[in-house]
Amino acid sequence: MDSIQEDFLNWIFDEEKNTAYWALENGERIHPNYDAKAIVEWLNNVRFKRGIAKAKLITNPQLCVKKKLYF
């Protein structure tokens, strides 16, 4: 898991590979500015080598209560 996180961070901080996810100030890139969409893009286009998209963003997960806890 650490190597996957390290690979993502190396990609997100690389100004040549990652051009979409940077905060701009006075037209200059100052730092990465990303959300879950960036992670999904990285997984599908970098980690999985531009094959069939395997990762997707789930905006409204279906959560159901499995157990109730009372105090």
PDB file of N, CA and C in Angstrom:
ATOM      1  N   MET A   1       0.829  -1.199   0.000  1.00  0.00           N
ATOM      2  CA  MET A   1       0.000   0.000   0.000  1.00  0.00           C
ATOM      3  C   MET A   1       0.869   1.256   0.000  1.00  0.00           C
ATOM      4  N   ASP A   2       1.977   1.223   0.730  1.00  0.00           N
ATOM      5  CA  ASP A   2       2.855   2.390   0.784  1.00  0.00           C
ATOM      6  C   ASP A   2       3.448   2.711  -0.581  1.00  0.00           C
ATOM      7  N   SER A   3       3.795   1.677  -1.355  1.00  0.00           N
ATOM      8  CA  SER A   3       4.385   1.933  -2.669  1.00  0.00           C
ATOM      9  C   SER A   3       3.351   2.519  -3.629  1.00  0.00           C
ATOM     10  N   ILE A   4       2.092   2.103  -3.508  1.00  0.00           N
ATOM     11  CA  ILE A   4       1.035   2.663  -4.356  1.00  0.00           C
ATOM     12  C   ILE A   4       0.828   4.135  -4.009  1.00  0.00           C
ATOM     13  N   GLN A   5       0.798   4.443  -2.722  1.00  0.00           N
ATOM     14  CA  GLN A   5       0.651   5.832  -2.296  1.00  0.00           C
ATOM     15  C   GLN A   5       1.841   6.662  -2.765  1.00  0.00           C
ATOM     16  N   GLU A   6       3.027   6.126  -2.645  1.00  0.00           N
ATOM     17  CA  GLU A   6       4.229   6.832  -3.073  1.00  0.00           C
ATOM     18  C   GLU A   6       4.205   7.082  -4.585  1.00  0.00           C
ATOM     19  N   ASP A   7       3.768   6.087  -5.363  1.00  0.00           N
ATOM     20  CA  ASP A   7       3.659   6.253  -6.813  1.00  0.00           C
ATOM     21  C   ASP A   7       2.668   7.360  -7.162  1.00  0.00           C
ATOM     22  N   PHE A   8       1.526   7.384  -6.463  1.00  0.00           N
ATOM     23  CA  PHE A   8       0.533   8.429  -6.721  1.00  0.00           C
ATOM     24  C   PHE A   8       1.094   9.807  -6.389  1.00  0.00           C
ATOM     25  N   LEU A   9       1.728   9.927  -5.238  1.00  0.00           N
ATOM     26  CA  LEU A   9       2.273  11.227  -4.840  1.00  0.00           C
ATOM     27  C   LEU A   9       3.380  11.692  -5.783  1.00  0.00           C
ATOM     28  N   ASN A  10       4.190  10.768  -6.259  1.00  0.00           N
ATOM     29  CA  ASN A  10       5.215  11.137  -7.239  1.00  0.00           C
ATOM     30  C   ASN A  10       4.570  11.678  -8.516  1.00  0.00           C
ATOM     31  N   TRP A  11       3.465  11.056  -8.935  1.00  0.00           N
ATOM     32  CA  TRP A  11       2.758  11.510 -10.132  1.00  0.00           C
ATOM     33  C   TRP A  11       2.100  12.866  -9.904  1.00  0.00           C
ATOM     34  N   ILE A  12       1.419  13.035  -8.780  1.00  0.00           N
ATOM     35  CA  ILE A  12       0.668  14.263  -8.537  1.00  0.00           C
ATOM     36  C   ILE A  12       1.602  15.461  -8.370  1.00  0.00           C
ATOM     37  N   PHE A  13       2.828  15.241  -7.858  1.00  0.00           N
ATOM     38  CA  PHE A  13       3.769  16.336  -7.672  1.00  0.00           C
ATOM     39  C   PHE A  13       4.658  16.569  -8.891  1.00  0.00           C
ATOM     40  N   ASP A  14       4.554  15.741  -9.920  1.00  0.00           N
ATOM     41  CA  ASP A  14       5.355  15.899 -11.132  1.00  0.00           C
ATOM     42  C   ASP A  14       4.653  16.864 -12.075  1.00  0.00           C
ATOM     43  N   GLU A  15       5.190  18.057 -12.228  1.00  0.00           N
ATOM     44  CA  GLU A  15       4.545  19.093 -13.042  1.00  0.00           C
ATOM     45  C   GLU A  15       4.497  18.736 -14.520  1.00  0.00           C
ATOM     46  N   GLU A  16       5.369  17.866 -14.979  1.00  0.00           N
ATOM     47  CA  GLU A  16       5.368  17.489 -16.394  1.00  0.00           C
ATOM     48  C   GLU A  16       4.297  16.443 -16.696  1.00  0.00           C
ATOM     49  N   LYS A  17       4.124  15.476 -15.799  1.00  0.00           N
ATOM     50  CA  LYS A  17       3.146  14.406 -16.026  1.00  0.00           C
ATOM     51  C   LYS A  17       1.738  14.842 -15.642  1.00  0.00           C
ATOM     52  N   ASN A  18       1.628  15.593 -14.573  1.00  0.00           N
ATOM     53  CA  ASN A  18       0.334  16.019 -14.064  1.00  0.00           C
ATOM     54  C   ASN A  18       0.195  17.514 -14.296  1.00  0.00           C
ATOM     55  N   THR A  19      -0.659  17.886 -15.222  1.00  0.00           N
ATOM     56  CA  THR A  19      -0.853  19.310 -15.503  1.00  0.00           C
ATOM     57  C   THR A  19      -2.222  19.816 -15.055  1.00  0.00           C
ATOM     58  N   ALA A  20      -3.150  18.901 -14.814  1.00  0.00           N
ATOM     59  CA  ALA A  20      -4.529  19.311 -14.519  1.00  0.00           C
ATOM     60  C   ALA A  20      -4.780  19.615 -13.047  1.00  0.00           C
ATOM     61  N   TYR A  21      -4.031  19.037 -12.168  1.00  0.00           N
ATOM     62  CA  TYR A  21      -4.354  19.125 -10.743  1.00  0.00           C
ATOM     63  C   TYR A  21      -3.368  19.999  -9.971  1.00  0.00           C
ATOM     64  N   TRP A  22      -3.224  21.232 -10.420  1.00  0.00           N
ATOM     65  CA  TRP A  22      -2.368  22.188  -9.722  1.00  0.00           C
ATOM     66  C   TRP A  22      -3.158  23.453  -9.428  1.00  0.00           C
ATOM     67  N   ALA A  23      -2.927  24.025  -8.241  1.00  0.00           N
ATOM     68  CA  ALA A  23      -3.508  25.315  -7.902  1.00  0.00           C
ATOM     69  C   ALA A  23      -2.637  26.392  -8.546  1.00  0.00           C
ATOM     70  N   LEU A  24      -3.284  27.380  -9.125  1.00  0.00           N
ATOM     71  CA  LEU A  24      -2.564  28.455  -9.794  1.00  0.00           C
ATOM     72  C   LEU A  24      -2.667  29.746  -9.007  1.00  0.00           C
ATOM     73  N   GLU A  25      -1.570  30.478  -8.988  1.00  0.00           N
ATOM     74  CA  GLU A  25      -1.561  31.800  -8.388  1.00  0.00           C
ATOM     75  C   GLU A  25      -0.770  32.709  -9.317  1.00  0.00           C
ATOM     76  N   ASN A  26      -1.418  33.740  -9.823  1.00  0.00           N
ATOM     77  CA  ASN A  26      -0.800  34.647 -10.802  1.00  0.00           C
ATOM     78  C   ASN A  26      -0.292  33.886 -12.019  1.00  0.00           C
ATOM     79  N   GLY A  27      -1.016  32.855 -12.435  1.00  0.00           N
ATOM     80  CA  GLY A  27      -0.656  32.080 -13.611  1.00  0.00           C
ATOM     81  C   GLY A  27       0.448  31.061 -13.397  1.00  0.00           C
ATOM     82  N   GLU A  28       0.941  30.925 -12.177  1.00  0.00           N
ATOM     83  CA  GLU A  28       2.000  29.963 -11.882  1.00  0.00           C
ATOM     84  C   GLU A  28       1.453  28.844 -10.999  1.00  0.00           C
ATOM     85  N   ARG A  29       1.943  27.646 -11.244  1.00  0.00           N
ATOM     86  CA  ARG A  29       1.557  26.500 -10.421  1.00  0.00           C
ATOM     87  C   ARG A  29       2.248  26.618  -9.066  1.00  0.00           C
ATOM     88  N   ILE A  30       1.456  26.517  -7.996  1.00  0.00           N
ATOM     89  CA  ILE A  30       2.057  26.664  -6.670  1.00  0.00           C
ATOM     90  C   ILE A  30       2.066  25.354  -5.875  1.00  0.00           C
ATOM     91  N   HIS A  31       1.040  24.524  -6.025  1.00  0.00           N
ATOM     92  CA  HIS A  31       1.005  23.229  -5.341  1.00  0.00           C
ATOM     93  C   HIS A  31      -0.092  22.365  -5.950  1.00  0.00           C
ATOM     94  N   PRO A  32       0.019  21.042  -5.789  1.00  0.00           N
ATOM     95  CA  PRO A  32      -1.052  20.169  -6.292  1.00  0.00           C
ATOM     96  C   PRO A  32      -2.355  20.437  -5.558  1.00  0.00           C
ATOM     97  N   ASN A  33      -3.442  20.353  -6.285  1.00  0.00           N
ATOM     98  CA  ASN A  33      -4.774  20.552  -5.728  1.00  0.00           C
ATOM     99  C   ASN A  33      -5.659  19.465  -6.335  1.00  0.00           C
ATOM    100  N   TYR A  34      -5.885  18.398  -5.589  1.00  0.00           N
ATOM    101  CA  TYR A  34      -6.568  17.245  -6.167  1.00  0.00           C
ATOM    102  C   TYR A  34      -7.641  16.719  -5.240  1.00  0.00           C
ATOM    103  N   ASP A  35      -8.504  15.867  -5.831  1.00  0.00           N
ATOM    104  CA  ASP A  35      -9.572  15.218  -5.087  1.00  0.00           C
ATOM    105  C   ASP A  35      -9.625  13.753  -5.520  1.00  0.00           C
ATOM    106  N   ALA A  36     -10.701  13.088  -5.223  1.00  0.00           N
ATOM    107  CA  ALA A  36     -10.835  11.664  -5.552  1.00  0.00           C
ATOM    108  C   ALA A  36     -10.787  11.419  -7.058  1.00  0.00           C
ATOM    109  N   LYS A  37     -11.234  12.387  -7.860  1.00  0.00           N
ATOM    110  CA  LYS A  37     -11.203  12.218  -9.315  1.00  0.00           C
ATOM    111  C   LYS A  37      -9.771  12.049  -9.814  1.00  0.00           C
ATOM    112  N   ALA A  38      -8.828  12.730  -9.194  1.00  0.00           N
ATOM    113  CA  ALA A  38      -7.416  12.608  -9.582  1.00  0.00           C
ATOM    114  C   ALA A  38      -6.898  11.209  -9.302  1.00  0.00           C
ATOM    115  N   ILE A  39      -7.309  10.635  -8.189  1.00  0.00           N
ATOM    116  CA  ILE A  39      -6.870   9.280  -7.848  1.00  0.00           C
ATOM    117  C   ILE A  39      -7.435   8.275  -8.844  1.00  0.00           C
ATOM    118  N   VAL A  40      -8.705   8.437  -9.214  1.00  0.00           N
ATOM    119  CA  VAL A  40      -9.325   7.555 -10.196  1.00  0.00           C
ATOM    120  C   VAL A  40      -8.629   7.699 -11.546  1.00  0.00           C
ATOM    121  N   GLU A  41      -8.345   8.943 -11.953  1.00  0.00           N
ATOM    122  CA  GLU A  41      -7.639   9.156 -13.221  1.00  0.00           C
ATOM    123  C   GLU A  41      -6.262   8.495 -13.194  1.00  0.00           C
ATOM    124  N   TRP A  42      -5.536   8.661 -12.096  1.00  0.00           N
ATOM    125  CA  TRP A  42      -4.215   8.050 -11.974  1.00  0.00           C
ATOM    126  C   TRP A  42      -4.304   6.523 -12.046  1.00  0.00           C
ATOM    127  N   LEU A  43      -5.259   5.946 -11.341  1.00  0.00           N
ATOM    128  CA  LEU A  43      -5.410   4.489 -11.367  1.00  0.00           C
ATOM    129  C   LEU A  43      -5.673   3.997 -12.788  1.00  0.00           C
ATOM    130  N   ASN A  44      -6.611   4.631 -13.479  1.00  0.00           N
ATOM    131  CA  ASN A  44      -7.008   4.162 -14.814  1.00  0.00           C
ATOM    132  C   ASN A  44      -5.985   4.459 -15.897  1.00  0.00           C
ATOM    133  N   ASN A  45      -5.287   5.587 -15.809  1.00  0.00           N
ATOM    134  CA  ASN A  45      -4.396   5.990 -16.896  1.00  0.00           C
ATOM    135  C   ASN A  45      -2.919   5.732 -16.636  1.00  0.00           C
ATOM    136  N   VAL A  46      -2.537   5.589 -15.386  1.00  0.00           N
ATOM    137  CA  VAL A  46      -1.125   5.379 -15.069  1.00  0.00           C
ATOM    138  C   VAL A  46      -0.914   3.994 -14.461  1.00  0.00           C
ATOM    139  N   ARG A  47      -1.583   3.734 -13.388  1.00  0.00           N
ATOM    140  CA  ARG A  47      -1.367   2.468 -12.678  1.00  0.00           C
ATOM    141  C   ARG A  47      -1.814   1.261 -13.502  1.00  0.00           C
ATOM    142  N   PHE A  48      -2.970   1.364 -14.162  1.00  0.00           N
ATOM    143  CA  PHE A  48      -3.495   0.256 -14.965  1.00  0.00           C
ATOM    144  C   PHE A  48      -3.101   0.370 -16.432  1.00  0.00           C
ATOM    145  N   LYS A  49      -2.207   1.270 -16.774  1.00  0.00           N
ATOM    146  CA  LYS A  49      -1.606   1.391 -18.104  1.00  0.00           C
ATOM    147  C   LYS A  49      -2.608   1.611 -19.235  1.00  0.00           C
ATOM    148  N   ARG A  50      -3.530   2.523 -19.047  1.00  0.00           N
ATOM    149  CA  ARG A  50      -4.475   2.948 -20.096  1.00  0.00           C
ATOM    150  C   ARG A  50      -5.232   1.806 -20.756  1.00  0.00           C
ATOM    151  N   GLY A  51      -5.554   0.811 -19.993  1.00  0.00           N
ATOM    152  CA  GLY A  51      -6.373  -0.281 -20.515  1.00  0.00           C
ATOM    153  C   GLY A  51      -7.836   0.067 -20.317  1.00  0.00           C
ATOM    154  N   ILE A  52      -8.624  -0.930 -20.112  1.00  0.00           N
ATOM    155  CA  ILE A  52     -10.039  -0.716 -19.803  1.00  0.00           C
ATOM    156  C   ILE A  52     -10.113  -0.123 -18.401  1.00  0.00           C
ATOM    157  N   ALA A  53     -10.877   0.943 -18.249  1.00  0.00           N
ATOM    158  CA  ALA A  53     -10.999   1.616 -16.954  1.00  0.00           C
ATOM    159  C   ALA A  53     -11.524   0.641 -15.911  1.00  0.00           C
ATOM    160  N   LYS A  54     -10.777   0.510 -14.845  1.00  0.00           N
ATOM    161  CA  LYS A  54     -11.153  -0.411 -13.777  1.00  0.00           C
ATOM    162  C   LYS A  54     -11.630   0.316 -12.524  1.00  0.00           C
ATOM    163  N   ALA A  55     -11.168   1.543 -12.350  1.00  0.00           N
ATOM    164  CA  ALA A  55     -11.556   2.320 -11.173  1.00  0.00           C
ATOM    165  C   ALA A  55     -12.613   3.336 -11.573  1.00  0.00           C
ATOM    166  N   LYS A  56     -13.531   3.592 -10.674  1.00  0.00           N
ATOM    167  CA  LYS A  56     -14.528   4.628 -10.923  1.00  0.00           C
ATOM    168  C   LYS A  56     -14.910   5.268  -9.603  1.00  0.00           C
ATOM    169  N   LEU A  57     -15.382   6.471  -9.693  1.00  0.00           N
ATOM    170  CA  LEU A  57     -15.779   7.234  -8.523  1.00  0.00           C
ATOM    171  C   LEU A  57     -17.229   6.918  -8.199  1.00  0.00           C
ATOM    172  N   ILE A  58     -17.480   6.506  -6.990  1.00  0.00           N
ATOM    173  CA  ILE A  58     -18.839   6.233  -6.538  1.00  0.00           C
ATOM    174  C   ILE A  58     -19.277   7.448  -5.735  1.00  0.00           C
ATOM    175  N   THR A  59     -20.239   8.173  -6.274  1.00  0.00           N
ATOM    176  CA  THR A  59     -20.633   9.426  -5.628  1.00  0.00           C
ATOM    177  C   THR A  59     -21.606   9.225  -4.479  1.00  0.00           C
ATOM    178  N   ASN A  60     -22.502   8.270  -4.589  1.00  0.00           N
ATOM    179  CA  ASN A  60     -23.473   8.003  -3.530  1.00  0.00           C
ATOM    180  C   ASN A  60     -23.434   6.529  -3.157  1.00  0.00           C
ATOM    181  N   PRO A  61     -22.527   6.155  -2.279  1.00  0.00           N
ATOM    182  CA  PRO A  61     -22.466   4.729  -1.929  1.00  0.00           C
ATOM    183  C   PRO A  61     -23.745   4.286  -1.232  1.00  0.00           C
ATOM    184  N   GLN A  62     -24.143   3.086  -1.529  1.00  0.00           N
ATOM    185  CA  GLN A  62     -25.330   2.527  -0.896  1.00  0.00           C
ATOM    186  C   GLN A  62     -24.932   1.937   0.457  1.00  0.00           C
ATOM    187  N   LEU A  63     -25.270   2.641   1.494  1.00  0.00           N
ATOM    188  CA  LEU A  63     -24.928   2.192   2.837  1.00  0.00           C
ATOM    189  C   LEU A  63     -26.166   1.632   3.511  1.00  0.00           C
ATOM    190  N   CYS A  64     -26.012   0.521   4.157  1.00  0.00           N
ATOM    191  CA  CYS A  64     -27.120  -0.018   4.932  1.00  0.00           C
ATOM    192  C   CYS A  64     -26.603  -0.339   6.336  1.00  0.00           C
ATOM    193  N   VAL A  65     -27.470  -0.182   7.284  1.00  0.00           N
ATOM    194  CA  VAL A  65     -27.111  -0.424   8.673  1.00  0.00           C
ATOM    195  C   VAL A  65     -27.068  -1.929   8.902  1.00  0.00           C
ATOM    196  N   LYS A  66     -25.935  -2.413   9.378  1.00  0.00           N
ATOM    197  CA  LYS A  66     -25.795  -3.846   9.634  1.00  0.00           C
ATOM    198  C   LYS A  66     -26.109  -4.173  11.091  1.00  0.00           C
ATOM    199  N   LYS A  67     -25.770  -3.248  11.977  1.00  0.00           N
ATOM    200  CA  LYS A  67     -25.986  -3.468  13.389  1.00  0.00           C
ATOM    201  C   LYS A  67     -26.227  -2.129  14.069  1.00  0.00           C
ATOM    202  N   LYS A  68     -27.101  -2.111  15.039  1.00  0.00           N
ATOM    203  CA  LYS A  68     -27.324  -0.918  15.816  1.00  0.00           C
ATOM    204  C   LYS A  68     -26.666  -1.086  17.167  1.00  0.00           C
ATOM    205  N   LEU A  69     -26.048  -0.014  17.615  1.00  0.00           N
ATOM    206  CA  LEU A  69     -25.337  -0.021  18.883  1.00  0.00           C
ATOM    207  C   LEU A  69     -26.012   1.001  19.803  1.00  0.00           C
ATOM    208  N   TYR A  70     -26.359   0.577  20.985  1.00  0.00           N
ATOM    209  CA  TYR A  70     -27.006   1.470  21.947  1.00  0.00           C
ATOM    210  C   TYR A  70     -26.076   1.679  23.127  1.00  0.00           C
ATOM    211  N   PHE A  71     -26.039   2.910  23.619  1.00  0.00           N
ATOM    212  CA  PHE A  71     -25.219   3.237  24.802  1.00  0.00           C
ATOM    213  C   PHE A  71     -26.090   3.543  25.980  1.00  0.00           C
TER     214      PHE A  71
END
